[in-house]
PDB file of N, CA and C in Angstrom:
ATOM      1  N   UNK A   1     144.198 194.904  83.075  1.00  0.00           N
ATOM      2  CA  UNK A   1     143.233 195.145  82.364  1.00  0.00           C
ATOM      3  C   UNK A   1     143.562 195.336  80.906  1.00  0.00           C
ATOM      4  N   UNK A   2     142.869 195.138  80.048  1.00  0.00           N
ATOM      5  CA  UNK A   2     143.138 195.319  78.460  1.00  0.00           C
ATOM      6  C   UNK A   2     141.905 195.982  78.026  1.00  0.00           C
ATOM      7  N   UNK A   3     142.288 197.050  77.186  1.00  0.00           N
ATOM      8  CA  UNK A   3     143.505 197.565  76.944  1.00  0.00           C
ATOM      9  C   UNK A   3     144.066 198.506  77.995  1.00  0.00           C
ATOM     10  N   UNK A   4     145.175 198.701  78.341  1.00  0.00           N
ATOM     11  CA  UNK A   4     145.721 199.775  79.415  1.00  0.00           C
ATOM     12  C   UNK A   4     145.603 201.031  79.063  1.00  0.00           C
ATOM     13  N   UNK A   5     145.348 201.547  80.167  1.00  0.00           N
ATOM     14  CA  UNK A   5     144.975 203.073  80.303  1.00  0.00           C
ATOM     15  C   UNK A   5     145.442 203.936  81.620  1.00  0.00           C
ATOM     16  N   UNK A   6     145.782 205.198  81.386  1.00  0.00           N
ATOM     17  CA  UNK A   6     145.993 205.789  82.516  1.00  0.00           C
ATOM     18  C   UNK A   6     144.744 206.044  83.586  1.00  0.00           C
ATOM     19  N   UNK A   7     145.006 205.878  84.753  1.00  0.00           N
ATOM     20  CA  UNK A   7     144.251 206.151  86.038  1.00  0.00           C
ATOM     21  C   UNK A   7     143.181 205.599  85.896  1.00  0.00           C
ATOM     22  N   UNK A   8     143.314 204.157  85.409  1.00  0.00           N
ATOM     23  CA  UNK A   8     142.328 202.935  85.299  1.00  0.00           C
ATOM     24  C   UNK A   8     141.600 202.544  86.759  1.00  0.00           C
ATOM     25  N   UNK A   9     140.771 202.447  87.270  1.00  0.00           N
ATOM     26  CA  UNK A   9     140.510 201.989  88.534  1.00  0.00           C
ATOM     27  C   UNK A   9     139.778 200.415  88.521  1.00  0.00           C
ATOM     28  N   UNK A  10     140.057 199.620  89.215  1.00  0.00           N
ATOM     29  CA  UNK A  10     139.576 198.220  89.065  1.00  0.00           C
ATOM     30  C   UNK A  10     139.250 198.146  90.796  1.00  0.00           C
ATOM     31  N   UNK A  11     137.760 197.400  90.679  1.00  0.00           N
ATOM     32  CA  UNK A  11     137.129 197.042  92.069  1.00  0.00           C
ATOM     33  C   UNK A  11     137.607 195.636  92.072  1.00  0.00           C
ATOM     34  N   UNK A  12     138.084 195.119  93.231  1.00  0.00           N
ATOM     35  CA  UNK A  12     138.402 193.772  93.807  1.00  0.00           C
ATOM     36  C   UNK A  12     137.503 193.776  94.864  1.00  0.00           C
ATOM     37  N   UNK A  13     136.694 192.567  94.742  1.00  0.00           N
ATOM     38  CA  UNK A  13     135.672 192.074  95.769  1.00  0.00           C
ATOM     39  C   UNK A  13     136.148 190.669  95.962  1.00  0.00           C
ATOM     40  N   UNK A  14     136.418 190.619  97.480  1.00  0.00           N
ATOM     41  CA  UNK A  14     136.894 189.234  98.127  1.00  0.00           C
ATOM     42  C   UNK A  14     135.617 188.714  98.642  1.00  0.00           C
ATOM     43  N   UNK A  15     134.646 187.641  98.402  1.00  0.00           N
ATOM     44  CA  UNK A  15     133.701 187.144  98.766  1.00  0.00           C
ATOM     45  C   UNK A  15     134.186 186.150  99.845  1.00  0.00           C
ATOM     46  N   UNK A  16     133.817 186.132 101.208  1.00  0.00           N
ATOM     47  CA  UNK A  16     134.208 185.138 102.103  1.00  0.00           C
ATOM     48  C   UNK A  16     133.059 183.862 101.967  1.00  0.00           C
ATOM     49  N   UNK A  17     133.710 182.860 102.679  1.00  0.00           N
ATOM     50  CA  UNK A  17     132.793 181.562 102.182  1.00  0.00           C
ATOM     51  C   UNK A  17     131.293 181.634 103.194  1.00  0.00           C
ATOM     52  N   UNK A  18     131.030 182.544 104.090  1.00  0.00           N
ATOM     53  CA  UNK A  18     129.916 183.003 104.598  1.00  0.00           C
ATOM     54  C   UNK A  18     129.071 184.232 103.914  1.00  0.00           C
ATOM     55  N   UNK A  19     129.630 184.270 102.747  1.00  0.00           N
ATOM     56  CA  UNK A  19     129.023 185.346 101.797  1.00  0.00           C
ATOM     57  C   UNK A  19     128.972 186.754 102.192  1.00  0.00           C
ATOM     58  N   UNK A  20     129.787 187.155 103.132  1.00  0.00           N
ATOM     59  CA  UNK A  20     130.292 188.766 103.477  1.00  0.00           C
ATOM     60  C   UNK A  20     131.283 188.831 102.585  1.00  0.00           C
ATOM     61  N   UNK A  21     131.319 190.022 102.325  1.00  0.00           N
ATOM     62  CA  UNK A  21     132.611 190.615 101.399  1.00  0.00           C
ATOM     63  C   UNK A  21     133.453 191.587 101.711  1.00  0.00           C
ATOM     64  N   UNK A  22     134.440 192.006 101.103  1.00  0.00           N
ATOM     65  CA  UNK A  22     135.373 193.305 101.315  1.00  0.00           C
ATOM     66  C   UNK A  22     135.769 193.721  99.911  1.00  0.00           C
ATOM     67  N   UNK A  23     135.677 195.042  99.962  1.00  0.00           N
ATOM     68  CA  UNK A  23     136.045 195.538  98.588  1.00  0.00           C
ATOM     69  C   UNK A  23     137.403 196.588  98.688  1.00  0.00           C
ATOM     70  N   UNK A  24     138.236 196.469  97.606  1.00  0.00           N
ATOM     71  CA  UNK A  24     139.351 197.225  97.534  1.00  0.00           C
ATOM     72  C   UNK A  24     139.108 197.835  95.980  1.00  0.00           C
ATOM     73  N   UNK A  25     139.988 198.943  95.760  1.00  0.00           N
ATOM     74  CA  UNK A  25     139.937 199.743  94.795  1.00  0.00           C
ATOM     75  C   UNK A  25     141.508 200.069  94.456  1.00  0.00           C
ATOM     76  N   UNK A  26     141.825 199.654  93.236  1.00  0.00           N
ATOM     77  CA  UNK A  26     143.106 199.633  92.851  1.00  0.00           C
ATOM     78  C   UNK A  26     143.517 200.359  91.531  1.00  0.00           C
ATOM     79  N   UNK A  27     144.437 201.117  91.521  1.00  0.00           N
ATOM     80  CA  UNK A  27     144.732 201.657  90.148  1.00  0.00           C
ATOM     81  C   UNK A  27     145.766 200.626  89.037  1.00  0.00           C
ATOM     82  N   UNK A  28     145.499 200.674  87.825  1.00  0.00           N
ATOM     83  CA  UNK A  28     146.236 199.752  87.210  1.00  0.00           C
ATOM     84  C   UNK A  28     147.296 200.276  86.578  1.00  0.00           C
ATOM     85  N   UNK A  29     148.586 199.827  86.240  1.00  0.00           N
ATOM     86  CA  UNK A  29     149.577 200.418  85.604  1.00  0.00           C
ATOM     87  C   UNK A  29     149.215 201.011  84.243  1.00  0.00           C
ATOM     88  N   UNK A  30     149.855 202.217  84.205  1.00  0.00           N
ATOM     89  CA  UNK A  30     149.169 202.873  82.726  1.00  0.00           C
ATOM     90  C   UNK A  30     149.849 202.296  81.379  1.00  0.00           C
ATOM     91  N   UNK A  31     150.849 201.623  81.703  1.00  0.00           N
ATOM     92  CA  UNK A  31     151.785 200.970  80.522  1.00  0.00           C
ATOM     93  C   UNK A  31     151.349 199.418  80.467  1.00  0.00           C
ATOM     94  N   UNK A  32     151.139 198.739  81.322  1.00  0.00           N
ATOM     95  CA  UNK A  32     150.937 197.418  81.335  1.00  0.00           C
ATOM     96  C   UNK A  32     149.363 196.961  81.281  1.00  0.00           C
ATOM     97  N   UNK A  33     148.754 197.728  82.147  1.00  0.00           N
ATOM     98  CA  UNK A  33     147.449 197.262  82.589  1.00  0.00           C
ATOM     99  C   UNK A  33     147.173 196.544  83.711  1.00  0.00           C
ATOM    100  N   UNK A  34     148.344 195.895  84.224  1.00  0.00           N
ATOM    101  CA  UNK A  34     148.485 195.095  85.582  1.00  0.00           C
ATOM    102  C   UNK A  34     148.177 195.690  86.619  1.00  0.00           C
ATOM    103  N   UNK A  35     147.691 195.093  87.695  1.00  0.00           N
ATOM    104  CA  UNK A  35     147.420 195.615  88.999  1.00  0.00           C
ATOM    105  C   UNK A  35     147.954 194.580  90.112  1.00  0.00           C
ATOM    106  N   UNK A  36     148.079 195.024  91.135  1.00  0.00           N
ATOM    107  CA  UNK A  36     148.239 194.025  92.541  1.00  0.00           C
ATOM    108  C   UNK A  36     147.686 194.475  93.726  1.00  0.00           C
ATOM    109  N   UNK A  37     146.826 193.595  94.247  1.00  0.00           N
ATOM    110  CA  UNK A  37     146.025 193.869  95.411  1.00  0.00           C
ATOM    111  C   UNK A  37     146.558 192.907  96.536  1.00  0.00           C
ATOM    112  N   UNK A  38     146.565 193.239  98.007  1.00  0.00           N
ATOM    113  CA  UNK A  38     146.861 192.480  98.802  1.00  0.00           C
ATOM    114  C   UNK A  38     145.744 192.450  99.809  1.00  0.00           C
ATOM    115  N   UNK A  39     145.413 191.107 100.105  1.00  0.00           N
ATOM    116  CA  UNK A  39     144.298 190.956 101.216  1.00  0.00           C
ATOM    117  C   UNK A  39     144.565 189.723 102.261  1.00  0.00           C
ATOM    118  N   UNK A  40     144.230 189.790 103.299  1.00  0.00           N
ATOM    119  CA  UNK A  40     144.520 188.747 104.133  1.00  0.00           C
ATOM    120  C   UNK A  40     143.340 188.100 104.306  1.00  0.00           C
ATOM    121  N   UNK A  41     143.363 186.684 103.756  1.00  0.00           N
ATOM    122  CA  UNK A  41     141.984 185.536 104.015  1.00  0.00           C
ATOM    123  C   UNK A  41     141.914 185.051 105.192  1.00  0.00           C
ATOM    124  N   UNK A  42     141.239 185.907 106.010  1.00  0.00           N
ATOM    125  CA  UNK A  42     141.276 185.256 107.314  1.00  0.00           C
ATOM    126  C   UNK A  42     139.981 184.362 107.891  1.00  0.00           C
ATOM    127  N   UNK A  43     139.665 183.486 106.927  1.00  0.00           N
ATOM    128  CA  UNK A  43     138.432 182.560 107.291  1.00  0.00           C
ATOM    129  C   UNK A  43     138.827 181.511 106.241  1.00  0.00           C
ATOM    130  N   UNK A  44     138.747 180.424 106.748  1.00  0.00           N
ATOM    131  CA  UNK A  44     138.894 179.052 106.278  1.00  0.00           C
ATOM    132  C   UNK A  44     137.782 178.586 105.291  1.00  0.00           C
ATOM    133  N   UNK A  45     137.869 178.199 104.169  1.00  0.00           N
ATOM    134  CA  UNK A  45     136.786 177.922 103.266  1.00  0.00           C
ATOM    135  C   UNK A  45     137.109 178.289 101.655  1.00  0.00           C
ATOM    136  N   UNK A  46     136.057 178.553 101.245  1.00  0.00           N
ATOM    137  CA  UNK A  46     136.029 178.888  99.559  1.00  0.00           C
ATOM    138  C   UNK A  46     135.760 180.148  99.461  1.00  0.00           C
ATOM    139  N   UNK A  47     136.489 180.859  98.888  1.00  0.00           N
ATOM    140  CA  UNK A  47     136.881 182.493  98.628  1.00  0.00           C
ATOM    141  C   UNK A  47     136.610 182.459  97.259  1.00  0.00           C
ATOM    142  N   UNK A  48     135.761 183.571  96.830  1.00  0.00           N
ATOM    143  CA  UNK A  48     135.515 183.955  95.611  1.00  0.00           C
ATOM    144  C   UNK A  48     135.988 185.344  95.435  1.00  0.00           C
ATOM    145  N   UNK A  49     136.881 185.762  94.354  1.00  0.00           N
ATOM    146  CA  UNK A  49     137.385 186.858  94.058  1.00  0.00           C
ATOM    147  C   UNK A  49     137.095 187.421  92.859  1.00  0.00           C
ATOM    148  N   UNK A  50     136.511 188.688  92.606  1.00  0.00           N
ATOM    149  CA  UNK A  50     136.273 189.329  91.540  1.00  0.00           C
ATOM    150  C   UNK A  50     137.004 190.381  91.302  1.00  0.00           C
ATOM    151  N   UNK A  51     137.559 190.597  90.152  1.00  0.00           N
ATOM    152  CA  UNK A  51     138.123 191.693  89.423  1.00  0.00           C
ATOM    153  C   UNK A  51     137.228 192.395  88.649  1.00  0.00           C
ATOM    154  N   UNK A  52     136.645 193.748  89.286  1.00  0.00           N
ATOM    155  CA  UNK A  52     135.487 194.244  88.388  1.00  0.00           C
ATOM    156  C   UNK A  52     136.066 195.645  87.835  1.00  0.00           C
ATOM    157  N   UNK A  53     136.001 195.750  86.101  1.00  0.00           N
ATOM    158  CA  UNK A  53     136.172 196.850  85.565  1.00  0.00           C
ATOM    159  C   UNK A  53     135.251 197.294  84.860  1.00  0.00           C
ATOM    160  N   UNK A  54     134.163 198.319  85.296  1.00  0.00           N
ATOM    161  CA  UNK A  54     133.034 198.779  84.671  1.00  0.00           C
ATOM    162  C   UNK A  54     131.972 197.495  84.764  1.00  0.00           C
ATOM    163  N   UNK A  55     131.757 197.024  83.578  1.00  0.00           N
ATOM    164  CA  UNK A  55     130.844 195.659  83.293  1.00  0.00           C
ATOM    165  C   UNK A  55     131.598 194.528  83.081  1.00  0.00           C
ATOM    166  N   UNK A  56     133.042 194.475  83.002  1.00  0.00           N
ATOM    167  CA  UNK A  56     133.437 193.276  82.601  1.00  0.00           C
ATOM    168  C   UNK A  56     134.246 192.777  84.361  1.00  0.00           C
ATOM    169  N   UNK A  57     134.073 191.515  84.207  1.00  0.00           N
ATOM    170  CA  UNK A  57     134.292 190.910  85.676  1.00  0.00           C
ATOM    171  C   UNK A  57     134.935 189.573  85.341  1.00  0.00           C
ATOM    172  N   UNK A  58     136.073 189.504  86.016  1.00  0.00           N
ATOM    173  CA  UNK A  58     136.807 188.227  86.087  1.00  0.00           C
ATOM    174  C   UNK A  58     136.949 187.395  87.371  1.00  0.00           C
ATOM    175  N   UNK A  59     136.542 186.158  87.256  1.00  0.00           N
ATOM    176  CA  UNK A  59     136.169 185.565  88.614  1.00  0.00           C
ATOM    177  C   UNK A  59     137.376 184.584  88.898  1.00  0.00           C
ATOM    178  N   UNK A  60     137.958 184.706  90.057  1.00  0.00           N
ATOM    179  CA  UNK A  60     138.925 183.728  90.571  1.00  0.00           C
ATOM    180  C   UNK A  60     138.514 183.108  91.846  1.00  0.00           C
ATOM    181  N   UNK A  61     138.936 182.231  92.220  1.00  0.00           N
ATOM    182  CA  UNK A  61     138.535 181.509  93.487  1.00  0.00           C
ATOM    183  C   UNK A  61     139.837 180.892  94.252  1.00  0.00           C
ATOM    184  N   UNK A  62     139.747 180.451  95.570  1.00  0.00           N
ATOM    185  CA  UNK A  62     140.863 180.093  96.127  1.00  0.00           C
ATOM    186  C   UNK A  62     140.252 179.287  97.471  1.00  0.00           C
ATOM    187  N   UNK A  63     140.731 178.214  97.840  1.00  0.00           N
ATOM    188  CA  UNK A  63     140.514 177.301  98.981  1.00  0.00           C
ATOM    189  C   UNK A  63     141.296 177.674  99.982  1.00  0.00           C
ATOM    190  N   UNK A  64     140.818 178.299 101.257  1.00  0.00           N
ATOM    191  CA  UNK A  64     141.590 178.461 102.199  1.00  0.00           C
ATOM    192  C   UNK A  64     141.487 177.483 103.368  1.00  0.00           C
ATOM    193  N   UNK A  65     142.730 176.903 104.275  1.00  0.00           N
ATOM    194  CA  UNK A  65     142.709 175.952 105.052  1.00  0.00           C
ATOM    195  C   UNK A  65     143.462 176.768 106.287  1.00  0.00           C
ATOM    196  N   UNK A  66     143.112 176.010 107.211  1.00  0.00           N
ATOM    197  CA  UNK A  66     143.698 176.505 108.443  1.00  0.00           C
ATOM    198  C   UNK A  66     144.786 175.622 108.864  1.00  0.00           C
ATOM    199  N   UNK A  67     146.123 175.843 109.018  1.00  0.00           N
ATOM    200  CA  UNK A  67     147.344 175.133 109.146  1.00  0.00           C
ATOM    201  C   UNK A  67     147.309 174.581 110.690  1.00  0.00           C
ATOM    202  N   UNK A  68     146.540 175.090 111.357  1.00  0.00           N
ATOM    203  CA  UNK A  68     146.580 174.622 112.873  1.00  0.00           C
ATOM    204  C   UNK A  68     145.381 173.188 112.884  1.00  0.00           C
ATOM    205  N   UNK A  69     144.504 173.746 111.822  1.00  0.00           N
ATOM    206  CA  UNK A  69     143.227 172.606 112.219  1.00  0.00           C
ATOM    207  C   UNK A  69     143.056 172.326 110.506  1.00  0.00           C
ATOM    208  N   UNK A  70     143.817 171.531 109.959  1.00  0.00           N
ATOM    209  CA  UNK A  70     143.514 171.184 108.445  1.00  0.00           C
ATOM    210  C   UNK A  70     142.221 170.368 107.949  1.00  0.00           C
ATOM    211  N   UNK A  71     141.575 169.771 109.240  1.00  0.00           N
ATOM    212  CA  UNK A  71     140.379 168.921 109.062  1.00  0.00           C
ATOM    213  C   UNK A  71     139.039 170.037 109.433  1.00  0.00           C
ATOM    214  N   UNK A  72     139.323 171.049 109.679  1.00  0.00           N
ATOM    215  CA  UNK A  72     138.146 171.838 109.942  1.00  0.00           C
ATOM    216  C   UNK A  72     137.215 172.053 109.124  1.00  0.00           C
ATOM    217  N   UNK A  73     135.700 171.787 109.319  1.00  0.00           N
ATOM    218  CA  UNK A  73     134.846 172.064 108.092  1.00  0.00           C
ATOM    219  C   UNK A  73     134.560 173.686 107.945  1.00  0.00           C
ATOM    220  N   UNK A  74     134.310 173.692 106.502  1.00  0.00           N
ATOM    221  CA  UNK A  74     134.062 175.046 106.121  1.00  0.00           C
ATOM    222  C   UNK A  74     132.819 175.612 106.635  1.00  0.00           C
ATOM    223  N   UNK A  75     132.804 176.778 106.901  1.00  0.00           N
ATOM    224  CA  UNK A  75     131.609 177.560 107.547  1.00  0.00           C
ATOM    225  C   UNK A  75     130.554 177.544 106.669  1.00  0.00           C
ATOM    226  N   UNK A  76     129.231 177.249 107.486  1.00  0.00           N
ATOM    227  CA  UNK A  76     127.991 177.222 106.754  1.00  0.00           C
ATOM    228  C   UNK A  76     127.553 178.796 106.343  1.00  0.00           C
ATOM    229  N   UNK A  77     127.190 178.790 105.010  1.00  0.00           N
ATOM    230  CA  UNK A  77     126.698 180.198 104.544  1.00  0.00           C
ATOM    231  C   UNK A  77     125.591 180.604 105.381  1.00  0.00           C
ATOM    232  N   UNK A  78     125.286 181.955 105.700  1.00  0.00           N
ATOM    233  CA  UNK A  78     124.167 182.299 106.462  1.00  0.00           C
ATOM    234  C   UNK A  78     123.952 183.743 105.723  1.00  0.00           C
ATOM    235  N   UNK A  79     122.874 183.667 104.848  1.00  0.00           N
ATOM    236  CA  UNK A  79     122.292 184.756 104.158  1.00  0.00           C
ATOM    237  C   UNK A  79     120.979 185.339 104.857  1.00  0.00           C
ATOM    238  N   UNK A  80     121.020 186.365 105.616  1.00  0.00           N
ATOM    239  CA  UNK A  80     119.953 186.827 106.298  1.00  0.00           C
ATOM    240  C   UNK A  80     118.682 187.209 105.361  1.00  0.00           C
ATOM    241  N   UNK A  81     117.670 186.725 105.674  1.00  0.00           N
ATOM    242  CA  UNK A  81     116.335 186.956 104.858  1.00  0.00           C
ATOM    243  C   UNK A  81     115.587 187.961 105.332  1.00  0.00           C
ATOM    244  N   UNK A  82     115.160 189.060 104.821  1.00  0.00           N
ATOM    245  CA  UNK A  82     114.782 189.892 105.631  1.00  0.00           C
ATOM    246  C   UNK A  82     113.174 190.070 104.496  1.00  0.00           C
ATOM    247  N   UNK A  83     112.475 189.229 104.867  1.00  0.00           N
ATOM    248  CA  UNK A  83     111.120 189.212 104.162  1.00  0.00           C
ATOM    249  C   UNK A  83     109.882 189.798 104.971  1.00  0.00           C
ATOM    250  N   UNK A  84     109.263 190.511 104.280  1.00  0.00           N
ATOM    251  CA  UNK A  84     108.142 191.180 104.818  1.00  0.00           C
ATOM    252  C   UNK A  84     107.069 190.929 103.992  1.00  0.00           C
ATOM    253  N   UNK A  85     106.017 190.761 104.599  1.00  0.00           N
ATOM    254  CA  UNK A  85     104.604 190.294 103.718  1.00  0.00           C
ATOM    255  C   UNK A  85     104.007 191.632 103.226  1.00  0.00           C
ATOM    256  N   UNK A  86     103.552 191.565 102.378  1.00  0.00           N
ATOM    257  CA  UNK A  86     103.067 192.764 101.483  1.00  0.00           C
ATOM    258  C   UNK A  86     101.389 192.187 101.428  1.00  0.00           C
ATOM    259  N   UNK A  87     100.570 192.890 102.402  1.00  0.00           N
ATOM    260  CA  UNK A  87      99.431 192.659 102.531  1.00  0.00           C
ATOM    261  C   UNK A  87      98.685 193.377 101.426  1.00  0.00           C
ATOM    262  N   UNK A  88      98.955 194.540 100.927  1.00  0.00           N
ATOM    263  CA  UNK A  88      98.312 195.106  99.635  1.00  0.00           C
ATOM    264  C   UNK A  88      98.284 194.129  98.534  1.00  0.00           C
ATOM    265  N   UNK A  89      99.156 193.573  98.450  1.00  0.00           N
ATOM    266  CA  UNK A  89      99.494 192.572  96.969  1.00  0.00           C
ATOM    267  C   UNK A  89      98.495 191.415  97.217  1.00  0.00           C
ATOM    268  N   UNK A  90      98.254 191.058  98.506  1.00  0.00           N
ATOM    269  CA  UNK A  90      97.319 190.010  98.665  1.00  0.00           C
ATOM    270  C   UNK A  90      96.116 190.250  98.718  1.00  0.00           C
ATOM    271  N   UNK A  91      95.739 191.447  99.155  1.00  0.00           N
ATOM    272  CA  UNK A  91      94.264 191.945  99.130  1.00  0.00           C
ATOM    273  C   UNK A  91      93.970 192.137  97.600  1.00  0.00           C
ATOM    274  N   UNK A  92      94.890 192.599  96.873  1.00  0.00           N
ATOM    275  CA  UNK A  92      94.644 193.294  95.665  1.00  0.00           C
ATOM    276  C   UNK A  92      94.152 191.574  94.599  1.00  0.00           C
ATOM    277  N   UNK A  93      95.099 190.440  95.103  1.00  0.00           N
ATOM    278  CA  UNK A  93      94.912 189.484  94.496  1.00  0.00           C
ATOM    279  C   UNK A  93      93.498 188.759  94.639  1.00  0.00           C
ATOM    280  N   UNK A  94      93.168 188.718  96.037  1.00  0.00           N
ATOM    281  CA  UNK A  94      91.719 188.486  96.407  1.00  0.00           C
ATOM    282  C   UNK A  94      90.704 189.175  95.967  1.00  0.00           C
ATOM    283  N   UNK A  95      90.543 190.596  95.743  1.00  0.00           N
ATOM    284  CA  UNK A  95      89.975 191.294  94.978  1.00  0.00           C
ATOM    285  C   UNK A  95      89.566 190.935  93.485  1.00  0.00           C
ATOM    286  N   UNK A  96      90.728 190.699  92.865  1.00  0.00           N
ATOM    287  CA  UNK A  96      90.721 190.174  91.484  1.00  0.00           C
ATOM    288  C   UNK A  96      90.194 188.883  91.308  1.00  0.00           C
ATOM    289  N   UNK A  97      90.527 188.015  92.425  1.00  0.00           N
ATOM    290  CA  UNK A  97      90.116 186.774  91.827  1.00  0.00           C
ATOM    291  C   UNK A  97      88.352 186.675  92.404  1.00  0.00           C
ATOM    292  N   UNK A  98      88.122 187.445  93.375  1.00  0.00           N
ATOM    293  CA  UNK A  98      86.582 187.347  93.603  1.00  0.00           C
ATOM    294  C   UNK A  98      85.803 188.079  92.270  1.00  0.00           C
ATOM    295  N   UNK A  99      86.438 189.221  91.836  1.00  0.00           N
ATOM    296  CA  UNK A  99      85.820 189.768  90.780  1.00  0.00           C
ATOM    297  C   UNK A  99      85.648 189.173  89.685  1.00  0.00           C
ATOM    298  N   UNK A 100      86.657 188.263  89.376  1.00  0.00           N
ATOM    299  CA  UNK A 100      86.689 186.708  88.181  1.00  0.00           C
ATOM    300  C   UNK A 100      85.774 186.165  88.504  1.00  0.00           C
ATOM    301  N   UNK A 101      85.453 185.407  89.820  1.00  0.00           N
ATOM    302  CA  UNK A 101      84.567 184.412  89.929  1.00  0.00           C
ATOM    303  C   UNK A 101      83.219 185.158  90.016  1.00  0.00           C
ATOM    304  N   UNK A 102      82.995 186.033  90.428  1.00  0.00           N
ATOM    305  CA  UNK A 102      81.643 186.894  90.057  1.00  0.00           C
ATOM    306  C   UNK A 102      81.314 186.782  88.563  1.00  0.00           C
ATOM    307  N   UNK A 103      82.395 187.427  87.942  1.00  0.00           N
ATOM    308  CA  UNK A 103      82.176 187.784  86.403  1.00  0.00           C
ATOM    309  C   UNK A 103      81.833 186.306  85.644  1.00  0.00           C
ATOM    310  N   UNK A 104      82.547 185.116  86.016  1.00  0.00           N
ATOM    311  CA  UNK A 104      82.284 183.748  85.342  1.00  0.00           C
ATOM    312  C   UNK A 104      80.993 183.357  85.861  1.00  0.00           C
ATOM    313  N   UNK A 105      80.532 183.300  87.245  1.00  0.00           N
ATOM    314  CA  UNK A 105      79.221 182.873  87.572  1.00  0.00           C
ATOM    315  C   UNK A 105      78.031 183.825  86.985  1.00  0.00           C
ATOM    316  N   UNK A 106      78.439 185.170  86.450  1.00  0.00           N
ATOM    317  CA  UNK A 106      77.290 185.700  86.167  1.00  0.00           C
ATOM    318  C   UNK A 106      77.381 185.607  84.479  1.00  0.00           C
ATOM    319  N   UNK A 107      78.575 185.145  83.928  1.00  0.00           N
ATOM    320  CA  UNK A 107      78.443 184.891  82.603  1.00  0.00           C
ATOM    321  C   UNK A 107      77.885 183.589  82.260  1.00  0.00           C
ATOM    322  N   UNK A 108      77.936 182.545  83.155  1.00  0.00           N
ATOM    323  CA  UNK A 108      77.330 181.161  82.975  1.00  0.00           C
ATOM    324  C   UNK A 108      75.639 181.567  83.052  1.00  0.00           C
ATOM    325  N   UNK A 109      75.227 182.051  84.087  1.00  0.00           N
ATOM    326  CA  UNK A 109      73.587 182.316  84.234  1.00  0.00           C
ATOM    327  C   UNK A 109      73.312 183.248  82.931  1.00  0.00           C
ATOM    328  N   UNK A 110      73.852 183.945  82.476  1.00  0.00           N
ATOM    329  CA  UNK A 110      73.239 184.692  81.205  1.00  0.00           C
ATOM    330  C   UNK A 110      73.818 184.362  80.027  1.00  0.00           C
ATOM    331  N   UNK A 111      74.026 183.107  79.612  1.00  0.00           N
ATOM    332  CA  UNK A 111      74.517 182.266  78.456  1.00  0.00           C
ATOM    333  C   UNK A 111      73.781 182.795  77.246  1.00  0.00           C
ATOM    334  N   UNK A 112      72.531 182.805  77.275  1.00  0.00           N
ATOM    335  CA  UNK A 112      71.508 182.831  76.192  1.00  0.00           C
ATOM    336  C   UNK A 112      71.621 184.328  75.793  1.00  0.00           C
ATOM    337  N   UNK A 113      71.890 185.309  76.621  1.00  0.00           N
ATOM    338  CA  UNK A 113      72.030 186.765  76.083  1.00  0.00           C
ATOM    339  C   UNK A 113      73.390 186.936  75.427  1.00  0.00           C
ATOM    340  N   UNK A 114      74.449 186.321  75.808  1.00  0.00           N
ATOM    341  CA  UNK A 114      75.668 186.272  75.355  1.00  0.00           C
ATOM    342  C   UNK A 114      75.590 185.629  74.045  1.00  0.00           C
ATOM    343  N   UNK A 115      75.011 184.668  73.843  1.00  0.00           N
ATOM    344  CA  UNK A 115      74.829 183.742  72.523  1.00  0.00           C
ATOM    345  C   UNK A 115      74.073 184.716  71.672  1.00  0.00           C
ATOM    346  N   UNK A 116      73.120 185.409  72.112  1.00  0.00           N
ATOM    347  CA  UNK A 116      72.193 186.297  71.214  1.00  0.00           C
ATOM    348  C   UNK A 116      73.187 187.376  70.823  1.00  0.00           C
ATOM    349  N   UNK A 117      74.000 188.074  71.605  1.00  0.00           N
ATOM    350  CA  UNK A 117      74.624 189.098  71.553  1.00  0.00           C
ATOM    351  C   UNK A 117      75.682 188.711  70.390  1.00  0.00           C
ATOM    352  N   UNK A 118      76.116 187.292  70.300  1.00  0.00           N
ATOM    353  CA  UNK A 118      77.435 186.980  69.268  1.00  0.00           C
ATOM    354  C   UNK A 118      76.772 186.928  68.087  1.00  0.00           C
ATOM    355  N   UNK A 119      75.310 186.494  67.933  1.00  0.00           N
ATOM    356  CA  UNK A 119      74.733 186.575  66.730  1.00  0.00           C
ATOM    357  C   UNK A 119      74.774 187.866  66.061  1.00  0.00           C
ATOM    358  N   UNK A 120      74.423 188.858  66.687  1.00  0.00           N
ATOM    359  CA  UNK A 120      73.919 190.303  66.195  1.00  0.00           C
ATOM    360  C   UNK A 120      75.740 190.573  66.010  1.00  0.00           C
TER     361      UNK A 120
END
């Protein structure tokens, strides 16, 4: 990390091909700013590696193959979707649409009153 400083902590995130991740926290060398981290990449596929220091992030990547089966396909990513319908938002949208439709219908019927109000 640049500039080097004492007791600087770097978070290193290893993202697997199925989008699960592992985190490690590493101290940098106070004179050079270098750091070393070891991680066993236990899944074949495309790994993303992020070295994060505060808001600064450096992205690395590597392609891991299985030596016993080099033609094995990469695992398909599976991100669980936790979707829950919010019925209050749907009810509020329907209420606003109905109020708008009623106001529009009322405005069309009372057009002469609006025109005379505009003249005033």
